[in-house]
Amino acid sequence: MPHPPLRLSEVFGFAPLSKTLREVSLTLRGDPLTPKSRFGLSSLRLLKPGLALSTWMRRARADRLVPIYNLFNHTQTDPDLGWSVRVTQARDFRGKKLTYDSHNGTDFAVPVGTVVVAAAPGRVARISSEFNRGGLKVLLDHGDTLFTSSNHLARSLVEHGDMVQRGQPIALSGASGIDMLSMFPWSTPHVHYNVWHNGKLVDPFASGNEVSLWQNGNAPVPSAGPLQSDEYITPTQFDEEAIEAAIDACIDPVLQRELADSPEPGVDVLFFYNVYPTRFSRRPDIIRVKHPRRPRLDLPFRSKDFRGIVFPD
């Protein structure tokens, strides 16, 4: 059954005006707890007009491959200095530079309205929208310390607490967030895909002797289907004392109260360590039991839409 058409406000993730303006100011000027984002001439390297225009116009590749817009940076700048979209120290898992200073995920260039699916079975642990930090997001707990988050979405198709199967639709992609809107139409619509393992943001692609988190190695493909509902999920175990220490270390009184009142403080601490790391005087390790890397993820799109990935460089 087709989904209702997306509204412009959904595509770009507009929030109430006061909240939108506050978060735009936070990006451009920062505040006492959050450094402003860092831009430079090297940031222009992120603009790929040909890919951007074809993606906005929904011109699919004949080979049905998803272009990678940016990869996880293995030489990230210090998060305490602020989010940097400059290209001053960048190295992707291949040893190339399809990334930028602060990039902590994988960008899949897909047309607005593309169905995003669960890359593995899991539970919807958080749904939120921060205009200055990636727009609308759906975060899944896949158990055994593996979490994924799809960002820049237009519409969630699930609710907090839902259990989802591998390959189940969870959202429609969009271009939500300040970075997409400010560079329209030269910024390519994409799903920014974060992966946490053992409490740390990681690259799902294998580098060197690592094990890939993708089931098909470093060439991820969609779930072959039918949906697999018999995969047991072991809930991620958090260290309760470490969570309390993290909340105590939060120097933002508003966020500290939010974390203290949260029904899932472990998930929220994990999330805000990434989104606003400078709002913590220290960031204790909140994962109690660690697990080795193993292949668990499929490409977070339907097999009817895509069959794999391609690196434009």
Protein backbone atom coordinates (compact mmCIF):
# COMPACT_ATOMS: atom_id res chain seq x y z
CA MET A 1 0.00 0.00 0.00
CA PRO A 2 1.55 3.34 -1.04
CA HIS A 3 2.42 5.87 1.65
CA PRO A 4 0.72 9.31 1.67
CA PRO A 5 2.81 11.96 -0.14
CA LEU A 6 5.49 13.67 1.94
CA ARG A 7 4.93 17.26 2.95
CA LEU A 8 7.72 19.82 2.45
CA SER A 9 7.91 20.28 6.21
CA GLU A 10 8.60 16.54 6.58
CA VAL A 11 11.23 16.45 3.85
CA PHE A 12 13.33 19.21 5.45
CA GLY A 13 12.33 18.47 9.04
CA PHE A 14 10.98 21.89 9.96
CA ALA A 15 10.25 22.23 13.67
CA PRO A 16 8.33 25.04 15.38
CA LEU A 17 9.98 28.33 14.33
CA SER A 18 11.47 29.14 17.72
CA LYS A 19 13.12 25.72 18.01
CA THR A 20 14.37 25.83 14.41
CA LEU A 21 15.92 29.28 14.86
CA ARG A 22 17.51 28.24 18.16
CA GLU A 23 19.14 25.19 16.58
CA VAL A 24 20.29 27.17 13.52
CA SER A 25 21.96 29.64 15.88
CA LEU A 26 23.56 26.75 17.74
CA THR A 27 25.13 25.52 14.50
CA LEU A 28 26.42 28.92 13.39
CA ARG A 29 27.34 30.51 16.72
CA GLY A 30 27.47 27.72 19.28
CA ASP A 31 26.69 28.35 22.94
CA PRO A 32 28.62 28.09 26.23
CA LEU A 33 28.25 24.29 26.14
CA THR A 34 28.44 23.62 22.39
CA PRO A 35 31.19 24.83 20.02
CA LYS A 36 29.97 26.20 16.71
CA SER A 37 30.30 23.99 13.65
CA ARG A 38 33.49 24.48 11.65
CA PHE A 39 33.43 25.18 7.91
CA GLY A 40 36.13 26.09 5.38
CA LEU A 41 36.96 26.13 1.69
CA SER A 42 37.68 22.41 1.88
CA SER A 43 34.00 21.92 2.80
CA LEU A 44 33.16 22.60 -0.84
CA ARG A 45 34.61 19.18 -1.64
CA LEU A 46 31.47 17.69 -0.09
CA LEU A 47 29.28 19.15 -2.83
CA LYS A 48 28.72 16.80 -5.76
CA PRO A 49 26.30 18.71 -8.03
CA GLY A 50 25.85 15.92 -10.57
CA LEU A 51 24.97 13.33 -7.92
CA ALA A 52 22.86 15.86 -6.01
CA LEU A 53 20.69 16.94 -8.93
CA SER A 54 20.14 13.43 -10.25
CA THR A 55 19.15 12.24 -6.77
CA TRP A 56 16.78 15.16 -6.18
CA MET A 57 15.21 14.39 -9.56
CA ARG A 58 14.86 10.71 -8.59
CA ARG A 59 16.98 9.47 -11.48
CA ALA A 60 17.88 5.97 -10.37
CA ARG A 61 21.01 4.24 -11.59
CA ALA A 62 20.32 1.58 -14.19
CA ASP A 63 22.43 -0.90 -12.21
CA ARG A 64 20.29 -0.36 -9.05
CA LEU A 65 23.32 0.40 -6.88
CA VAL A 66 23.27 2.92 -4.02
CA PRO A 67 26.03 5.55 -4.36
CA ILE A 68 28.05 6.12 -1.20
CA TYR A 69 28.14 9.86 -0.55
CA ASN A 70 30.53 9.79 2.43
CA LEU A 71 32.12 7.06 4.53
CA PHE A 72 33.11 6.88 8.21
CA ASN A 73 36.26 8.91 8.93
CA HIS A 74 38.98 6.88 10.67
CA THR A 75 40.98 10.00 11.65
CA GLN A 76 38.29 12.19 13.20
CA THR A 77 39.06 15.52 14.80
CA ASP A 78 38.52 16.03 18.54
CA PRO A 79 34.72 16.28 19.16
CA ASP A 80 35.40 18.79 21.94
CA LEU A 81 36.50 21.28 19.26
CA GLY A 82 33.10 21.20 17.55
CA TRP A 83 31.59 19.45 14.54
CA SER A 84 33.84 19.96 11.53
CA VAL A 85 32.70 19.64 7.92
CA ARG A 86 36.17 20.56 6.71
CA VAL A 87 38.39 18.05 4.94
CA THR A 88 41.68 18.43 6.80
CA GLN A 89 42.28 14.93 8.15
CA ALA A 90 40.14 12.40 6.35
CA ARG A 91 40.65 8.69 5.70
CA ASP A 92 37.94 6.14 4.91
CA PHE A 93 38.28 2.39 5.43
CA ARG A 94 39.89 2.03 2.00
CA GLY A 95 42.60 4.57 2.79
CA LYS A 96 40.94 7.16 0.53
CA LYS A 97 39.16 10.45 1.30
CA LEU A 98 35.47 9.85 0.67
CA THR A 99 34.67 11.47 4.04
CA TYR A 100 35.36 14.58 6.14
CA ASP A 101 36.77 15.54 9.54
CA SER A 102 33.88 14.77 11.89
CA HIS A 103 31.98 12.26 9.78
CA ASN A 104 30.95 9.34 11.98
CA GLY A 105 28.64 7.33 9.73
CA THR A 106 27.94 6.05 6.22
CA ASP A 107 25.97 8.22 3.78
CA PHE A 108 23.75 6.45 1.26
CA ALA A 109 22.62 8.79 -1.56
CA VAL A 110 18.95 7.96 -2.15
CA PRO A 111 15.97 9.93 -3.49
CA VAL A 112 13.60 11.55 -1.00
CA GLY A 113 10.84 9.11 -0.06
CA THR A 114 12.99 5.97 -0.34
CA VAL A 115 11.85 3.23 2.05
CA VAL A 116 14.43 2.63 4.80
CA VAL A 117 14.34 -0.81 6.47
CA ALA A 118 15.80 -2.46 9.55
CA ALA A 119 19.24 -3.87 8.68
CA ALA A 120 18.79 -6.51 11.38
CA PRO A 121 16.02 -7.44 13.82
CA GLY A 122 15.75 -5.15 16.79
CA ARG A 123 13.73 -2.77 18.90
CA VAL A 124 12.95 0.89 18.23
CA ALA A 125 14.88 2.51 21.07
CA ARG A 126 14.52 6.20 20.20
CA ILE A 127 12.87 8.51 17.65
CA SER A 128 13.84 12.19 17.72
CA SER A 129 14.58 15.20 15.54
CA GLU A 130 17.42 17.68 16.04
CA PHE A 131 17.45 20.18 13.18
CA ASN A 132 21.11 21.06 13.76
CA ARG A 133 22.25 17.43 14.13
CA GLY A 134 20.90 15.28 11.34
CA GLY A 135 17.17 15.95 11.40
CA LEU A 136 14.70 13.11 12.06
CA LYS A 137 16.30 9.89 13.32
CA VAL A 138 15.17 6.36 14.14
CA LEU A 139 17.53 4.44 16.44
CA LEU A 140 17.34 0.65 16.74
CA ASP A 141 18.80 -1.62 19.42
CA HIS A 142 19.79 -4.88 17.72
CA GLY A 143 20.96 -6.43 20.98
CA ASP A 144 24.44 -7.51 22.06
CA THR A 145 25.60 -3.84 22.09
CA LEU A 146 24.80 -3.23 18.38
CA PHE A 147 22.77 -0.10 17.62
CA THR A 148 22.01 1.63 14.32
CA SER A 149 20.51 5.00 13.54
CA SER A 150 19.07 6.28 10.27
CA ASN A 151 19.22 10.09 9.97
CA HIS A 152 17.90 12.87 7.68
CA LEU A 153 14.57 11.05 7.51
CA ALA A 154 11.24 12.53 6.44
CA ARG A 155 8.80 10.22 8.22
CA SER A 156 9.02 7.42 10.75
CA LEU A 157 6.91 4.34 10.03
CA VAL A 158 7.41 2.85 13.50
CA GLU A 159 6.92 3.91 17.11
CA HIS A 160 9.17 3.84 20.13
CA GLY A 161 9.28 0.34 21.64
CA ASP A 162 8.23 -1.50 18.46
CA MET A 163 9.98 -4.78 17.69
CA VAL A 164 11.08 -4.90 14.04
CA GLN A 165 12.17 -7.73 11.79
CA ARG A 166 15.07 -7.78 9.38
CA GLY A 167 14.01 -5.95 6.23
CA GLN A 168 10.93 -4.35 7.83
CA PRO A 169 10.25 -0.75 6.69
CA ILE A 170 10.97 1.74 9.49
CA ALA A 171 10.99 5.13 7.73
CA LEU A 172 10.88 7.17 4.54
CA SER A 173 14.08 9.02 3.68
CA GLY A 174 14.18 12.79 3.42
CA ALA A 175 16.56 15.71 3.64
CA SER A 176 15.84 16.87 7.17
CA GLY A 177 18.33 19.05 8.98
CA ILE A 178 20.12 22.35 8.51
CA ASP A 179 22.93 20.99 6.35
CA MET A 180 20.54 19.73 3.68
CA LEU A 181 18.40 22.87 3.64
CA SER A 182 21.30 25.34 3.69
CA MET A 183 22.98 23.76 0.66
CA PHE A 184 19.87 22.89 -1.35
CA PRO A 185 19.96 21.77 -4.15
CA TRP A 186 23.73 21.13 -4.20
CA SER A 187 23.74 18.88 -1.13
CA THR A 188 22.82 15.31 -2.06
CA PRO A 189 19.77 13.79 -0.34
CA HIS A 190 21.03 10.86 1.70
CA VAL A 191 20.51 8.63 4.71
CA HIS A 192 23.30 9.16 7.23
CA TYR A 193 23.69 5.75 8.87
CA ASN A 194 25.31 5.47 12.31
CA VAL A 195 26.46 2.21 13.86
CA TRP A 196 27.39 1.78 17.52
CA HIS A 197 29.17 -1.35 18.79
CA ASN A 198 30.19 -1.84 22.43
CA GLY A 199 29.15 1.74 23.14
CA LYS A 200 31.31 3.37 20.45
CA LEU A 201 30.50 4.75 17.03
CA VAL A 202 32.18 2.43 14.53
CA ASP A 203 32.57 1.85 10.82
CA PRO A 204 30.46 -1.17 9.74
CA PHE A 205 32.95 -1.71 6.91
CA ALA A 206 36.02 -3.76 7.82
CA SER A 207 39.40 -2.09 7.81
CA GLY A 208 42.57 -4.20 7.80
CA ASN A 209 42.01 -7.40 9.77
CA GLU A 210 38.65 -6.31 11.21
CA VAL A 211 35.47 -8.30 10.77
CA SER A 212 32.83 -6.52 8.70
CA LEU A 213 29.52 -5.86 10.45
CA TRP A 214 27.78 -6.34 7.09
CA GLN A 215 26.58 -9.89 6.42
CA ASN A 216 27.96 -9.72 2.88
CA GLY A 217 31.36 -8.40 3.88
CA ASN A 218 32.32 -4.96 2.56
CA ALA A 219 29.77 -5.24 -0.25
CA PRO A 220 26.47 -5.00 1.68
CA VAL A 221 23.27 -6.11 0.00
CA PRO A 222 19.62 -5.96 1.08
CA SER A 223 18.03 -8.79 2.98
CA ALA A 224 17.20 -11.59 0.59
CA GLY A 225 13.84 -12.06 2.37
CA PRO A 226 11.42 -13.38 3.35
CA LEU A 227 11.57 -11.50 6.64
CA GLN A 228 13.34 -13.45 9.33
CA SER A 229 11.36 -13.35 12.57
CA ASP A 230 13.15 -16.11 14.46
CA GLU A 231 16.41 -14.27 15.16
CA TYR A 232 16.72 -13.98 18.92
CA ILE A 233 17.63 -10.54 20.27
CA THR A 234 19.64 -10.37 23.48
CA PRO A 235 18.91 -6.96 25.01
CA THR A 236 21.94 -4.70 25.33
CA GLN A 237 23.16 -4.59 28.93
CA PHE A 238 24.07 -1.17 30.31
CA ASP A 239 26.17 -0.47 33.39
CA GLU A 240 23.73 1.28 35.73
CA GLU A 241 26.45 2.85 37.87
CA ALA A 242 28.20 4.18 34.77
CA ILE A 243 24.91 5.66 33.53
CA GLU A 244 24.47 7.49 36.84
CA ALA A 245 28.05 8.74 36.55
CA ALA A 246 27.36 9.96 33.01
CA ILE A 247 24.26 11.83 34.13
CA ASP A 248 26.25 13.40 36.97
CA ALA A 249 28.89 14.41 34.41
CA CYS A 250 26.30 16.19 32.23
CA ILE A 251 26.97 19.94 32.56
CA ASP A 252 23.76 20.98 30.80
CA PRO A 253 21.09 21.20 33.53
CA VAL A 254 18.22 20.85 31.04
CA LEU A 255 19.72 17.75 29.42
CA GLN A 256 20.69 16.37 32.82
CA ARG A 257 17.07 16.50 33.97
CA GLU A 258 15.95 14.90 30.70
CA LEU A 259 18.40 12.02 31.19
CA ALA A 260 17.48 11.59 34.86
CA ASP A 261 13.78 11.34 33.95
CA SER A 262 14.29 9.14 30.89
CA PRO A 263 12.71 5.65 30.92
CA GLU A 264 15.74 4.51 28.87
CA PRO A 265 18.69 6.53 30.19
CA GLY A 266 21.26 4.13 28.73
CA VAL A 267 20.00 4.64 25.18
CA ASP A 268 19.72 8.40 25.66
CA VAL A 269 23.21 8.76 27.13
CA LEU A 270 24.60 6.75 24.22
CA PHE A 271 22.73 9.03 21.81
CA PHE A 272 23.78 12.33 23.40
CA TYR A 273 27.41 11.25 23.71
CA ASN A 274 27.30 11.43 19.91
CA VAL A 275 25.00 14.41 19.33
CA TYR A 276 26.27 16.77 22.05
CA PRO A 277 29.51 15.30 23.46
CA THR A 278 30.68 18.62 24.91
CA ARG A 279 27.73 18.67 27.30
CA PHE A 280 29.48 16.03 29.40
CA SER A 281 32.57 16.79 31.46
CA ARG A 282 33.52 13.16 30.96
CA ARG A 283 31.94 10.24 29.14
CA PRO A 284 32.11 7.01 31.17
CA ASP A 285 31.80 3.68 29.33
CA ILE A 286 28.17 2.64 29.92
CA ILE A 287 28.27 -0.82 28.27
CA ARG A 288 28.55 -3.63 30.81
CA VAL A 289 29.20 -6.67 28.60
CA LYS A 290 31.27 -6.36 25.42
CA HIS A 291 30.77 -8.51 22.32
CA PRO A 292 33.11 -9.25 19.39
CA ARG A 293 32.38 -7.85 15.95
CA ARG A 294 30.44 -10.26 13.76
CA PRO A 295 28.46 -9.95 10.51
CA ARG A 296 24.88 -8.98 11.35
CA LEU A 297 23.72 -6.12 9.13
CA ASP A 298 22.16 -5.99 5.67
CA LEU A 299 21.83 -2.91 3.50
CA PRO A 300 19.04 -0.79 5.08
CA PHE A 301 16.94 -0.69 1.90
CA ARG A 302 14.53 -3.01 0.10
CA SER A 303 15.82 -5.50 -2.46
CA LYS A 304 13.16 -4.25 -4.88
CA ASP A 305 14.81 -0.81 -4.81
CA PHE A 306 18.55 -1.59 -4.67
CA ARG A 307 20.85 -4.57 -5.03
CA GLY A 308 24.10 -3.19 -3.58
CA ILE A 309 26.41 -0.16 -3.30
CA VAL A 310 28.88 1.72 -5.46
CA PHE A 311 31.72 4.12 -4.61
CA PRO A 312 31.52 7.11 -7.01
CA ASP A 313 35.25 7.79 -6.61
